[in-house]
Amino acid sequence: MIDVLGFFAGACLIVSMLLRNIYAVKILLTVAAISFLAYGIILKLLPIIVINSVLTASGIYELARLTRKGKAAG
């Protein structure tokens, strides 16, 4: 079951490389980071936890920024 989480996160990364819409890319990258973070926590892998904590935080920040920017433009 844990492997499924890792494969899901990897699939999100792969699919994000195929998209052109930056908002969709950021969503998938953030979902991947959250999934890898959960994977790292379950397996107690500190490097995975640290890196994906930072990626999750930056992904959430970027999504919020893009959302605010979109509301300001619309």
C-alpha atoms as a PDB file:
ATOM      1  CA  MET A   1       0.000   0.000   0.000  1.00  0.00           C
ATOM      2  CA  ILE A   2       2.857   2.372   0.783  1.00  0.00           C
ATOM      3  CA  ASP A   3       4.346   1.737  -2.652  1.00  0.00           C
ATOM      4  CA  VAL A   4       1.084   2.889  -4.247  1.00  0.00           C
ATOM      5  CA  LEU A   5       1.523   6.283  -2.552  1.00  0.00           C
ATOM      6  CA  GLY A   6       5.040   6.596  -3.978  1.00  0.00           C
ATOM      7  CA  PHE A   7       3.914   5.574  -7.461  1.00  0.00           C
ATOM      8  CA  PHE A   8       0.973   8.004  -7.280  1.00  0.00           C
ATOM      9  CA  ALA A   9       3.343  10.846  -6.362  1.00  0.00           C
ATOM     10  CA  GLY A  10       5.671   9.903  -9.208  1.00  0.00           C
ATOM     11  CA  ALA A  11       2.763   9.742 -11.656  1.00  0.00           C
ATOM     12  CA  CYS A  12       1.701  13.250 -10.605  1.00  0.00           C
ATOM     13  CA  LEU A  13       5.212  14.495 -11.393  1.00  0.00           C
ATOM     14  CA  ILE A  14       5.226  12.803 -14.790  1.00  0.00           C
ATOM     15  CA  VAL A  15       1.793  14.121 -15.780  1.00  0.00           C
ATOM     16  CA  SER A  16       2.711  17.635 -14.611  1.00  0.00           C
ATOM     17  CA  MET A  17       5.521  17.653 -17.186  1.00  0.00           C
ATOM     18  CA  LEU A  18       2.974  17.088 -19.961  1.00  0.00           C
ATOM     19  CA  LEU A  19       0.651  19.966 -19.080  1.00  0.00           C
ATOM     20  CA  ARG A  20       0.769  23.501 -20.455  1.00  0.00           C
ATOM     21  CA  ASN A  21      -1.564  25.227 -17.991  1.00  0.00           C
ATOM     22  CA  ILE A  22       0.687  26.571 -15.212  1.00  0.00           C
ATOM     23  CA  TYR A  23      -2.079  26.411 -12.611  1.00  0.00           C
ATOM     24  CA  ALA A  24      -2.686  22.712 -13.358  1.00  0.00           C
ATOM     25  CA  VAL A  25       1.065  22.069 -13.239  1.00  0.00           C
ATOM     26  CA  LYS A  26       1.347  23.738  -9.820  1.00  0.00           C
ATOM     27  CA  ILE A  27      -1.632  21.764  -8.498  1.00  0.00           C
ATOM     28  CA  LEU A  28      -0.140  18.451  -9.604  1.00  0.00           C
ATOM     29  CA  LEU A  29       3.317  19.332  -8.287  1.00  0.00           C
ATOM     30  CA  THR A  30       1.798  20.265  -4.926  1.00  0.00           C
ATOM     31  CA  VAL A  31      -0.217  17.029  -4.810  1.00  0.00           C
ATOM     32  CA  ALA A  32       2.972  15.109  -5.637  1.00  0.00           C
ATOM     33  CA  ALA A  33       4.902  16.896  -2.879  1.00  0.00           C
ATOM     34  CA  ILE A  34       2.143  16.182  -0.340  1.00  0.00           C
ATOM     35  CA  SER A  35       2.085  12.530  -1.412  1.00  0.00           C
ATOM     36  CA  PHE A  36       5.867  12.208  -1.200  1.00  0.00           C
ATOM     37  CA  LEU A  37       5.740  13.933   2.199  1.00  0.00           C
ATOM     38  CA  ALA A  38       3.239  11.352   3.462  1.00  0.00           C
ATOM     39  CA  TYR A  39       5.394   8.595   1.945  1.00  0.00           C
ATOM     40  CA  GLY A  40       8.481   9.936   3.725  1.00  0.00           C
ATOM     41  CA  ILE A  41       6.660  10.253   7.049  1.00  0.00           C
ATOM     42  CA  ILE A  42       5.339   6.687   6.845  1.00  0.00           C
ATOM     43  CA  LEU A  43       8.797   5.311   6.037  1.00  0.00           C
ATOM     44  CA  LYS A  44      10.592   7.766   8.367  1.00  0.00           C
ATOM     45  CA  LEU A  45      12.872   9.074   5.609  1.00  0.00           C
ATOM     46  CA  LEU A  46      14.134  12.435   6.835  1.00  0.00           C
ATOM     47  CA  PRO A  47      15.520  13.748   3.503  1.00  0.00           C
ATOM     48  CA  ILE A  48      12.194  13.034   1.781  1.00  0.00           C
ATOM     49  CA  ILE A  49      10.286  14.675   4.649  1.00  0.00           C
ATOM     50  CA  VAL A  50      12.414  17.835   4.663  1.00  0.00           C
ATOM     51  CA  ILE A  51      12.534  18.350   0.906  1.00  0.00           C
ATOM     52  CA  ASN A  52       8.841  17.703   0.365  1.00  0.00           C
ATOM     53  CA  SER A  53       7.849  19.878   3.328  1.00  0.00           C
ATOM     54  CA  VAL A  54       9.578  22.779   1.594  1.00  0.00           C
ATOM     55  CA  LEU A  55       8.074  21.837  -1.779  1.00  0.00           C
ATOM     56  CA  THR A  56       4.585  21.556  -0.267  1.00  0.00           C
ATOM     57  CA  ALA A  57       4.867  24.963   1.396  1.00  0.00           C
ATOM     58  CA  SER A  58       6.172  26.608  -1.780  1.00  0.00           C
ATOM     59  CA  GLY A  59       3.486  24.899  -3.867  1.00  0.00           C
ATOM     60  CA  ILE A  60       0.712  26.143  -1.601  1.00  0.00           C
ATOM     61  CA  TYR A  61       2.225  29.635  -1.669  1.00  0.00           C
ATOM     62  CA  GLU A  62       2.433  29.620  -5.479  1.00  0.00           C
ATOM     63  CA  LEU A  63      -1.142  28.371  -5.851  1.00  0.00           C
ATOM     64  CA  ALA A  64      -2.358  31.124  -3.524  1.00  0.00           C
ATOM     65  CA  ARG A  65      -0.333  33.708  -5.461  1.00  0.00           C
ATOM     66  CA  LEU A  66      -1.691  32.530  -8.808  1.00  0.00           C
ATOM     67  CA  THR A  67      -5.234  32.513  -7.437  1.00  0.00           C
ATOM     68  CA  ARG A  68      -4.887  36.080  -6.108  1.00  0.00           C
ATOM     69  CA  LYS A  69      -3.308  37.209  -9.373  1.00  0.00           C
ATOM     70  CA  GLY A  70      -6.173  35.639 -11.345  1.00  0.00           C
ATOM     71  CA  LYS A  71      -8.802  37.332  -9.187  1.00  0.00           C
ATOM     72  CA  ALA A  72      -7.048  40.681  -9.554  1.00  0.00           C
ATOM     73  CA  ALA A  73      -6.923  40.317 -13.344  1.00  0.00           C
ATOM     74  CA  GLY A  74     -10.524  39.119 -13.645  1.00  0.00           C
END
